[in-house]
Amino acid sequence: MYEQILLDTGADHHGIATVTLNRPDRLNAWTPVMEREVRDAMQRLSADDTVRGIILTGAGRGFCAGADLGQRKPGEPYPAWPEGGIGDDADPNFTQRYTYLAGVPKPVVAAINGAVAGVGLALTLFADFRFMAAGAKLSASFARRGLIAEHCTAWTLPKLIGPMNAMDLLLSGRTILAEEAATMGLVRLLPAEGFLDAARAATQDLIGASSPRSMRVIKRQVWEGFFQDLATASREATAAQAASRESADYREGITAFQEKRAPVFTGR
């Protein structure tokens, strides 16, 4: 079905689906085809009620080395990219070229199995969790290519690791190891050996016992909070809490707690 990605819908992994960038001979360098296919896969998985979380990773020894510059000529215009949010999401904050990932109504985990740079890094910054293989390399090398902080990295990085660390990575364009990225709070470190299995297990630990409905609402609260004042966030949280008390997942959560058993959530 896809040319440049692989899709595992998670049937054998407790509902943890996996989207794999699949150009290992090019370190999964980003192309317009890959861009369309990743978006299509995210649309499909967002609509699949059996999927609890989504992992984005790379095939081979790299995650994504950035845009495939070998396919482009200087001055050549970029091809048009898909537009719009996931499903019927019309909030402009979640309908831009890569910001739609923040609007995916399920946890998105970037499993950074190897080198990541440029647009590959930008993608991971819209994930909800970032796991990175020990010893893997990371760089935001835009300034070393005569470019600027593309794809909202000047917006996301300061929020994730603070202005000084963001300036360090963006202005210097230097390459760092996963271990340094972890000290900045940008990623959580996992062993390189058996990395994907470890990332799936960690994802299951994080989200396996939680209500899909609750996770969907909380994720939106966190991302929308970047654009809200405190009073608005308070009012919306109050309304969302009232709605949650009418949900099937709330009733199941309370019943399971009283019966001292694991809840069986439906996401409704």
C-alpha atoms as a PDB file:
ATOM      1  CA  MET A   1       0.000   0.000   0.000  1.00  0.00           C
ATOM      2  CA  TYR A   2       2.829   2.402   0.823  1.00  0.00           C
ATOM      3  CA  GLU A   3       6.090   3.016  -1.030  1.00  0.00           C
ATOM      4  CA  GLN A   4       8.278   4.655   1.615  1.00  0.00           C
ATOM      5  CA  ILE A   5       6.804   3.723   4.981  1.00  0.00           C
ATOM      6  CA  LEU A   6       5.726   0.544   6.750  1.00  0.00           C
ATOM      7  CA  LEU A   7       2.532   0.343   8.802  1.00  0.00           C
ATOM      8  CA  ASP A   8       1.891  -2.049  11.692  1.00  0.00           C
ATOM      9  CA  THR A   9      -1.575  -1.425  13.113  1.00  0.00           C
ATOM     10  CA  GLY A  10      -0.654  -2.863  16.491  1.00  0.00           C
ATOM     11  CA  ALA A  11      -2.755  -6.034  16.552  1.00  0.00           C
ATOM     12  CA  ASP A  12       0.209  -7.959  18.006  1.00  0.00           C
ATOM     13  CA  HIS A  13       1.437  -5.122  20.229  1.00  0.00           C
ATOM     14  CA  HIS A  14      -1.449  -4.353  22.620  1.00  0.00           C
ATOM     15  CA  GLY A  15      -2.863  -1.691  20.312  1.00  0.00           C
ATOM     16  CA  ILE A  16       0.452   0.156  19.913  1.00  0.00           C
ATOM     17  CA  ALA A  17       0.663   0.863  16.165  1.00  0.00           C
ATOM     18  CA  THR A  18       3.961   1.595  14.437  1.00  0.00           C
ATOM     19  CA  VAL A  19       4.713   3.813  11.447  1.00  0.00           C
ATOM     20  CA  THR A  20       8.224   3.143  10.118  1.00  0.00           C
ATOM     21  CA  LEU A  21      10.048   5.479   7.743  1.00  0.00           C
ATOM     22  CA  ASN A  22      11.398   2.995   5.216  1.00  0.00           C
ATOM     23  CA  ARG A  23      14.264   4.342   3.124  1.00  0.00           C
ATOM     24  CA  PRO A  24      17.114   2.791   5.109  1.00  0.00           C
ATOM     25  CA  ASP A  25      19.602   3.136   2.253  1.00  0.00           C
ATOM     26  CA  ARG A  26      19.142   6.936   2.510  1.00  0.00           C
ATOM     27  CA  LEU A  27      18.905   7.069   6.329  1.00  0.00           C
ATOM     28  CA  ASN A  28      15.154   7.574   5.776  1.00  0.00           C
ATOM     29  CA  ALA A  29      15.714  11.002   4.248  1.00  0.00           C
ATOM     30  CA  TRP A  30      12.407  12.847   3.940  1.00  0.00           C
ATOM     31  CA  THR A  31      10.607  13.102   0.602  1.00  0.00           C
ATOM     32  CA  PRO A  32       7.216  14.408  -0.581  1.00  0.00           C
ATOM     33  CA  VAL A  33       6.063  10.793  -1.002  1.00  0.00           C
ATOM     34  CA  MET A  34       7.018   9.968   2.576  1.00  0.00           C
ATOM     35  CA  GLU A  35       5.291  13.126   3.791  1.00  0.00           C
ATOM     36  CA  ARG A  36       1.997  12.156   2.146  1.00  0.00           C
ATOM     37  CA  GLU A  37       2.229   8.580   3.343  1.00  0.00           C
ATOM     38  CA  VAL A  38       2.946   9.442   6.985  1.00  0.00           C
ATOM     39  CA  ARG A  39      -0.019  11.812   7.043  1.00  0.00           C
ATOM     40  CA  ASP A  40      -2.273   9.179   5.471  1.00  0.00           C
ATOM     41  CA  ALA A  41      -1.155   6.570   8.008  1.00  0.00           C
ATOM     42  CA  MET A  42      -1.800   8.978  10.898  1.00  0.00           C
ATOM     43  CA  GLN A  43      -5.307   9.621   9.538  1.00  0.00           C
ATOM     44  CA  ARG A  44      -6.020   5.890   9.363  1.00  0.00           C
ATOM     45  CA  LEU A  45      -4.680   5.133  12.817  1.00  0.00           C
ATOM     46  CA  SER A  46      -6.523   8.076  14.357  1.00  0.00           C
ATOM     47  CA  ALA A  47      -9.815   6.614  13.126  1.00  0.00           C
ATOM     48  CA  ASP A  48      -9.031   3.053  14.280  1.00  0.00           C
ATOM     49  CA  ASP A  49     -10.578   2.422  17.703  1.00  0.00           C
ATOM     50  CA  THR A  50      -8.310  -0.574  18.291  1.00  0.00           C
ATOM     51  CA  VAL A  51      -5.217   1.666  18.264  1.00  0.00           C
ATOM     52  CA  ARG A  52      -4.267   3.086  21.664  1.00  0.00           C
ATOM     53  CA  GLY A  53      -0.988   4.783  20.749  1.00  0.00           C
ATOM     54  CA  ILE A  54       1.224   5.402  17.712  1.00  0.00           C
ATOM     55  CA  ILE A  55       4.990   4.974  17.440  1.00  0.00           C
ATOM     56  CA  LEU A  56       6.915   6.745  14.670  1.00  0.00           C
ATOM     57  CA  THR A  57      10.337   5.239  14.007  1.00  0.00           C
ATOM     58  CA  GLY A  58      12.866   4.562  11.254  1.00  0.00           C
ATOM     59  CA  ALA A  59      14.123   1.469   9.449  1.00  0.00           C
ATOM     60  CA  GLY A  60      17.783   0.513   9.603  1.00  0.00           C
ATOM     61  CA  ARG A  61      20.405   2.540  11.437  1.00  0.00           C
ATOM     62  CA  GLY A  62      18.821   6.003  11.181  1.00  0.00           C
ATOM     63  CA  PHE A  63      15.565   7.680  12.149  1.00  0.00           C
ATOM     64  CA  CYS A  64      15.549  10.453   9.533  1.00  0.00           C
ATOM     65  CA  ALA A  65      18.551  12.354   8.200  1.00  0.00           C
ATOM     66  CA  GLY A  66      16.393  15.332   7.181  1.00  0.00           C
ATOM     67  CA  ALA A  67      15.171  16.301   3.744  1.00  0.00           C
ATOM     68  CA  ASP A  68      16.583  14.340   0.809  1.00  0.00           C
ATOM     69  CA  LEU A  69      18.678  17.177  -0.609  1.00  0.00           C
ATOM     70  CA  GLY A  70      19.977  14.877  -3.338  1.00  0.00           C
ATOM     71  CA  GLN A  71      16.564  15.048  -4.981  1.00  0.00           C
ATOM     72  CA  ARG A  72      16.460  18.846  -5.093  1.00  0.00           C
ATOM     73  CA  LYS A  73      18.155  21.589  -7.077  1.00  0.00           C
ATOM     74  CA  PRO A  74      18.972  25.038  -5.574  1.00  0.00           C
ATOM     75  CA  GLY A  75      16.018  27.368  -6.096  1.00  0.00           C
ATOM     76  CA  GLU A  76      13.647  24.569  -7.065  1.00  0.00           C
ATOM     77  CA  PRO A  77      10.216  25.231  -5.515  1.00  0.00           C
ATOM     78  CA  TYR A  78       8.852  22.807  -2.970  1.00  0.00           C
ATOM     79  CA  PRO A  79       5.966  20.633  -4.163  1.00  0.00           C
ATOM     80  CA  ALA A  80       2.605  21.265  -2.571  1.00  0.00           C
ATOM     81  CA  TRP A  81       2.083  19.381   0.682  1.00  0.00           C
ATOM     82  CA  PRO A  82      -1.144  17.996   2.160  1.00  0.00           C
ATOM     83  CA  GLU A  83      -3.175  20.450   4.193  1.00  0.00           C
ATOM     84  CA  GLY A  84      -5.725  20.218   6.986  1.00  0.00           C
ATOM     85  CA  GLY A  85      -5.944  18.565  10.362  1.00  0.00           C
ATOM     86  CA  ILE A  86      -6.679  15.012  11.405  1.00  0.00           C
ATOM     87  CA  GLY A  87     -10.311  14.096  10.891  1.00  0.00           C
ATOM     88  CA  ASP A  88     -12.471  17.203  11.012  1.00  0.00           C
ATOM     89  CA  ASP A  89     -10.039  19.252  13.126  1.00  0.00           C
ATOM     90  CA  ALA A  90     -10.271  22.837  11.868  1.00  0.00           C
ATOM     91  CA  ASP A  91      -8.122  24.576  14.511  1.00  0.00           C
ATOM     92  CA  PRO A  92      -5.409  26.324  12.451  1.00  0.00           C
ATOM     93  CA  ASN A  93      -2.852  25.523  15.138  1.00  0.00           C
ATOM     94  CA  PHE A  94      -3.245  21.843  14.254  1.00  0.00           C
ATOM     95  CA  THR A  95      -3.713  22.020  10.503  1.00  0.00           C
ATOM     96  CA  GLN A  96      -0.305  23.204   9.342  1.00  0.00           C
ATOM     97  CA  ARG A  97       2.288  21.187   7.479  1.00  0.00           C
ATOM     98  CA  TYR A  98       3.510  19.136  10.466  1.00  0.00           C
ATOM     99  CA  THR A  99       1.505  20.563  13.359  1.00  0.00           C
ATOM    100  CA  TYR A 100      -1.277  18.112  12.506  1.00  0.00           C
ATOM    101  CA  LEU A 101       0.733  15.529  14.502  1.00  0.00           C
ATOM    102  CA  ALA A 102      -0.092  17.426  17.699  1.00  0.00           C
ATOM    103  CA  GLY A 103      -3.767  17.075  16.750  1.00  0.00           C
ATOM    104  CA  VAL A 104      -3.667  13.286  16.435  1.00  0.00           C
ATOM    105  CA  PRO A 105      -6.195  12.217  19.111  1.00  0.00           C
ATOM    106  CA  LYS A 106      -3.902   9.525  20.537  1.00  0.00           C
ATOM    107  CA  PRO A 107      -0.456   9.577  22.113  1.00  0.00           C
ATOM    108  CA  VAL A 108       2.270   9.824  19.463  1.00  0.00           C
ATOM    109  CA  VAL A 109       5.690   8.474  20.402  1.00  0.00           C
ATOM    110  CA  ALA A 110       8.836   9.254  18.429  1.00  0.00           C
ATOM    111  CA  ALA A 111      11.111   6.224  18.761  1.00  0.00           C
ATOM    112  CA  ILE A 112      14.377   7.736  17.542  1.00  0.00           C
ATOM    113  CA  ASN A 113      16.365   4.628  16.684  1.00  0.00           C
ATOM    114  CA  GLY A 114      19.329   6.407  15.084  1.00  0.00           C
ATOM    115  CA  ALA A 115      20.541   9.673  13.604  1.00  0.00           C
ATOM    116  CA  VAL A 116      17.941  12.445  13.403  1.00  0.00           C
ATOM    117  CA  ALA A 117      18.322  15.875  11.816  1.00  0.00           C
ATOM    118  CA  GLY A 118      16.438  18.681  10.106  1.00  0.00           C
ATOM    119  CA  VAL A 119      12.831  17.929   9.273  1.00  0.00           C
ATOM    120  CA  GLY A 120      13.207  14.550  10.973  1.00  0.00           C
ATOM    121  CA  LEU A 121      13.931  16.347  14.234  1.00  0.00           C
ATOM    122  CA  ALA A 122      11.078  18.789  13.638  1.00  0.00           C
ATOM    123  CA  LEU A 123       8.643  15.875  13.322  1.00  0.00           C
ATOM    124  CA  THR A 124       9.707  14.423  16.653  1.00  0.00           C
ATOM    125  CA  LEU A 125       9.053  17.727  18.415  1.00  0.00           C
ATOM    126  CA  PHE A 126       5.330  17.346  17.696  1.00  0.00           C
ATOM    127  CA  ALA A 127       5.297  13.923  19.337  1.00  0.00           C
ATOM    128  CA  ASP A 128       4.042  13.530  22.893  1.00  0.00           C
ATOM    129  CA  PHE A 129       6.995  11.368  23.951  1.00  0.00           C
ATOM    130  CA  ARG A 130      10.492  10.958  22.532  1.00  0.00           C
ATOM    131  CA  PHE A 131      12.551   7.849  23.199  1.00  0.00           C
ATOM    132  CA  MET A 132      16.076   7.782  21.759  1.00  0.00           C
ATOM    133  CA  ALA A 133      18.590   4.998  21.371  1.00  0.00           C
ATOM    134  CA  ALA A 134      21.760   5.392  23.402  1.00  0.00           C
ATOM    135  CA  GLY A 135      24.589   6.762  21.282  1.00  0.00           C
ATOM    136  CA  ALA A 136      22.350   8.066  18.502  1.00  0.00           C
ATOM    137  CA  LYS A 137      23.097  11.510  17.046  1.00  0.00           C
ATOM    138  CA  LEU A 138      20.804  14.550  16.844  1.00  0.00           C
ATOM    139  CA  SER A 139      21.238  17.894  15.094  1.00  0.00           C
ATOM    140  CA  ALA A 140      19.280  20.965  14.066  1.00  0.00           C
ATOM    141  CA  SER A 141      21.735  21.938  11.338  1.00  0.00           C
ATOM    142  CA  PHE A 142      19.606  24.558   9.542  1.00  0.00           C
ATOM    143  CA  ALA A 143      22.042  27.437  10.137  1.00  0.00           C
ATOM    144  CA  ARG A 144      24.884  25.362   8.687  1.00  0.00           C
ATOM    145  CA  ARG A 145      22.916  25.028   5.442  1.00  0.00           C
ATOM    146  CA  GLY A 146      22.065  28.717   5.138  1.00  0.00           C
ATOM    147  CA  LEU A 147      18.517  28.065   6.343  1.00  0.00           C
ATOM    148  CA  ILE A 148      16.477  29.167   9.347  1.00  0.00           C
ATOM    149  CA  ALA A 149      14.721  27.218  12.114  1.00  0.00           C
ATOM    150  CA  GLU A 150      12.289  25.401   9.866  1.00  0.00           C
ATOM    151  CA  HIS A 151       8.999  23.685  10.586  1.00  0.00           C
ATOM    152  CA  CYS A 152       8.281  25.457  13.894  1.00  0.00           C
ATOM    153  CA  THR A 153      11.477  24.316  15.644  1.00  0.00           C
ATOM    154  CA  ALA A 154      11.956  27.869  16.950  1.00  0.00           C
ATOM    155  CA  TRP A 155       8.521  27.506  18.601  1.00  0.00           C
ATOM    156  CA  THR A 156       8.714  23.922  19.862  1.00  0.00           C
ATOM    157  CA  LEU A 157      12.306  23.636  21.091  1.00  0.00           C
ATOM    158  CA  PRO A 158      12.230  26.515  23.629  1.00  0.00           C
ATOM    159  CA  LYS A 159       9.036  25.093  25.128  1.00  0.00           C
ATOM    160  CA  LEU A 160      10.588  21.649  25.457  1.00  0.00           C
ATOM    161  CA  ILE A 161      14.130  22.441  26.637  1.00  0.00           C
ATOM    162  CA  GLY A 162      14.181  26.169  27.449  1.00  0.00           C
ATOM    163  CA  PRO A 163      15.421  29.156  25.410  1.00  0.00           C
ATOM    164  CA  MET A 164      19.145  28.745  26.103  1.00  0.00           C
ATOM    165  CA  ASN A 165      19.308  25.073  25.125  1.00  0.00           C
ATOM    166  CA  ALA A 166      17.191  25.830  22.067  1.00  0.00           C
ATOM    167  CA  MET A 167      19.518  28.651  21.032  1.00  0.00           C
ATOM    168  CA  ASP A 168      22.484  26.350  21.546  1.00  0.00           C
ATOM    169  CA  LEU A 169      21.141  23.703  19.151  1.00  0.00           C
ATOM    170  CA  LEU A 170      19.639  26.085  16.584  1.00  0.00           C
ATOM    171  CA  LEU A 171      22.385  28.712  16.333  1.00  0.00           C
ATOM    172  CA  SER A 172      25.341  26.336  16.462  1.00  0.00           C
ATOM    173  CA  GLY A 173      23.829  23.585  14.360  1.00  0.00           C
ATOM    174  CA  ARG A 174      26.081  21.227  16.284  1.00  0.00           C
ATOM    175  CA  THR A 175      25.531  17.490  16.592  1.00  0.00           C
ATOM    176  CA  ILE A 176      24.851  16.019  20.026  1.00  0.00           C
ATOM    177  CA  LEU A 177      24.427  12.481  21.298  1.00  0.00           C
ATOM    178  CA  ALA A 178      21.251  11.049  22.779  1.00  0.00           C
ATOM    179  CA  GLU A 179      22.837  11.221  26.220  1.00  0.00           C
ATOM    180  CA  GLU A 180      23.156  15.015  26.050  1.00  0.00           C
ATOM    181  CA  ALA A 181      19.665  15.348  24.607  1.00  0.00           C
ATOM    182  CA  ALA A 182      18.391  13.391  27.599  1.00  0.00           C
ATOM    183  CA  THR A 183      20.103  15.768  30.066  1.00  0.00           C
ATOM    184  CA  MET A 184      18.268  18.639  28.331  1.00  0.00           C
ATOM    185  CA  GLY A 185      14.951  16.849  28.856  1.00  0.00           C
ATOM    186  CA  LEU A 186      14.414  16.502  25.103  1.00  0.00           C
ATOM    187  CA  VAL A 187      14.337  12.684  25.041  1.00  0.00           C
ATOM    188  CA  ARG A 188      14.266   9.669  27.319  1.00  0.00           C
ATOM    189  CA  LEU A 189      17.135   7.285  26.786  1.00  0.00           C
ATOM    190  CA  LEU A 190      16.689   3.585  25.929  1.00  0.00           C
ATOM    191  CA  PRO A 191      19.327   0.935  25.117  1.00  0.00           C
ATOM    192  CA  ALA A 192      20.276   0.680  21.448  1.00  0.00           C
ATOM    193  CA  GLU A 193      20.038  -3.130  21.610  1.00  0.00           C
ATOM    194  CA  GLY A 194      16.390  -4.146  21.254  1.00  0.00           C
ATOM    195  CA  PHE A 195      15.400  -0.489  20.989  1.00  0.00           C
ATOM    196  CA  LEU A 196      12.011  -0.814  19.265  1.00  0.00           C
ATOM    197  CA  ASP A 197      10.814  -3.544  21.610  1.00  0.00           C
ATOM    198  CA  ALA A 198      11.906  -1.391  24.541  1.00  0.00           C
ATOM    199  CA  ALA A 199      10.075   1.619  23.082  1.00  0.00           C
ATOM    200  CA  ARG A 200       6.904  -0.427  22.679  1.00  0.00           C
ATOM    201  CA  ALA A 201       7.164  -1.701  26.248  1.00  0.00           C
ATOM    202  CA  ALA A 202       7.754   1.813  27.583  1.00  0.00           C
ATOM    203  CA  THR A 203       4.783   3.112  25.598  1.00  0.00           C
ATOM    204  CA  GLN A 204       2.603   0.344  26.976  1.00  0.00           C
ATOM    205  CA  ASP A 205       3.724   1.215  30.507  1.00  0.00           C
ATOM    206  CA  LEU A 206       2.854   4.866  29.928  1.00  0.00           C
ATOM    207  CA  ILE A 207      -0.584   4.520  28.375  1.00  0.00           C
ATOM    208  CA  GLY A 208      -1.720   0.908  28.754  1.00  0.00           C
ATOM    209  CA  ALA A 209      -3.870   1.441  31.845  1.00  0.00           C
ATOM    210  CA  SER A 210      -5.387   4.784  30.858  1.00  0.00           C
ATOM    211  CA  SER A 211      -8.727   5.654  29.281  1.00  0.00           C
ATOM    212  CA  PRO A 212      -8.384   6.438  25.561  1.00  0.00           C
ATOM    213  CA  ARG A 213     -11.008   9.133  26.008  1.00  0.00           C
ATOM    214  CA  SER A 214      -9.146  10.716  28.902  1.00  0.00           C
ATOM    215  CA  MET A 215      -5.857  10.620  27.009  1.00  0.00           C
ATOM    216  CA  ARG A 216      -7.504  12.217  23.972  1.00  0.00           C
ATOM    217  CA  VAL A 217      -8.887  15.111  26.034  1.00  0.00           C
ATOM    218  CA  ILE A 218      -5.738  15.583  28.143  1.00  0.00           C
ATOM    219  CA  LYS A 219      -3.475  15.638  25.100  1.00  0.00           C
ATOM    220  CA  ARG A 220      -5.627  18.358  23.565  1.00  0.00           C
ATOM    221  CA  GLN A 221      -5.608  20.292  26.849  1.00  0.00           C
ATOM    222  CA  VAL A 222      -1.817  20.277  26.971  1.00  0.00           C
ATOM    223  CA  TRP A 223      -1.319  21.370  23.361  1.00  0.00           C
ATOM    224  CA  GLU A 224      -4.083  23.987  23.443  1.00  0.00           C
ATOM    225  CA  GLY A 225      -2.623  25.287  26.697  1.00  0.00           C
ATOM    226  CA  PHE A 226       0.304  26.756  24.741  1.00  0.00           C
ATOM    227  CA  PHE A 227      -2.146  29.205  23.150  1.00  0.00           C
ATOM    228  CA  GLN A 228      -4.446  29.937  26.122  1.00  0.00           C
ATOM    229  CA  ASP A 229      -4.523  32.262  29.064  1.00  0.00           C
ATOM    230  CA  LEU A 230      -5.033  30.742  32.526  1.00  0.00           C
ATOM    231  CA  ALA A 231      -8.682  31.775  32.841  1.00  0.00           C
ATOM    232  CA  THR A 232      -9.597  30.110  29.554  1.00  0.00           C
ATOM    233  CA  ALA A 233      -7.722  26.937  30.495  1.00  0.00           C
ATOM    234  CA  SER A 234      -9.563  26.841  33.831  1.00  0.00           C
ATOM    235  CA  ARG A 235     -13.015  27.281  32.283  1.00  0.00           C
ATOM    236  CA  GLU A 236     -12.370  24.654  29.626  1.00  0.00           C
ATOM    237  CA  ALA A 237     -11.002  22.169  32.153  1.00  0.00           C
ATOM    238  CA  THR A 238     -14.119  22.577  34.285  1.00  0.00           C
ATOM    239  CA  ALA A 239     -16.363  21.901  31.290  1.00  0.00           C
ATOM    240  CA  ALA A 240     -14.259  18.945  30.156  1.00  0.00           C
ATOM    241  CA  GLN A 241     -14.320  17.417  33.637  1.00  0.00           C
ATOM    242  CA  ALA A 242     -18.109  17.670  33.763  1.00  0.00           C
ATOM    243  CA  ALA A 243     -18.319  15.927  30.373  1.00  0.00           C
ATOM    244  CA  SER A 244     -15.932  13.194  31.491  1.00  0.00           C
ATOM    245  CA  ARG A 245     -18.230  12.298  34.389  1.00  0.00           C
ATOM    246  CA  GLU A 246     -20.915  11.427  31.813  1.00  0.00           C
ATOM    247  CA  SER A 247     -18.635   9.084  29.859  1.00  0.00           C
ATOM    248  CA  ALA A 248     -18.607   5.303  29.727  1.00  0.00           C
ATOM    249  CA  ASP A 249     -14.879   5.292  30.520  1.00  0.00           C
ATOM    250  CA  TYR A 250     -15.508   7.202  33.750  1.00  0.00           C
ATOM    251  CA  ARG A 251     -18.163   4.707  34.826  1.00  0.00           C
ATOM    252  CA  GLU A 252     -15.837   1.829  33.994  1.00  0.00           C
ATOM    253  CA  GLY A 253     -12.918   3.447  35.790  1.00  0.00           C
ATOM    254  CA  ILE A 254     -14.909   3.909  39.000  1.00  0.00           C
ATOM    255  CA  THR A 255     -16.414   0.416  38.815  1.00  0.00           C
ATOM    256  CA  ALA A 256     -13.024  -1.192  38.208  1.00  0.00           C
ATOM    257  CA  PHE A 257     -11.539   0.712  41.155  1.00  0.00           C
ATOM    258  CA  GLN A 258     -14.354  -0.412  43.449  1.00  0.00           C
ATOM    259  CA  GLU A 259     -14.093  -4.010  42.251  1.00  0.00           C
ATOM    260  CA  LYS A 260     -10.282  -3.943  42.530  1.00  0.00           C
ATOM    261  CA  ARG A 261      -9.690  -5.044  38.928  1.00  0.00           C
ATOM    262  CA  ALA A 262      -8.080  -3.635  35.807  1.00  0.00           C
ATOM    263  CA  PRO A 263     -10.451  -1.373  33.843  1.00  0.00           C
ATOM    264  CA  VAL A 264     -11.632  -2.323  30.373  1.00  0.00           C
ATOM    265  CA  PHE A 265     -11.962   1.027  28.604  1.00  0.00           C
ATOM    266  CA  THR A 266     -13.753   1.585  25.297  1.00  0.00           C
ATOM    267  CA  GLY A 267     -12.694   5.181  24.690  1.00  0.00           C
ATOM    268  CA  ARG A 268     -16.244   6.446  25.007  1.00  0.00           C
END
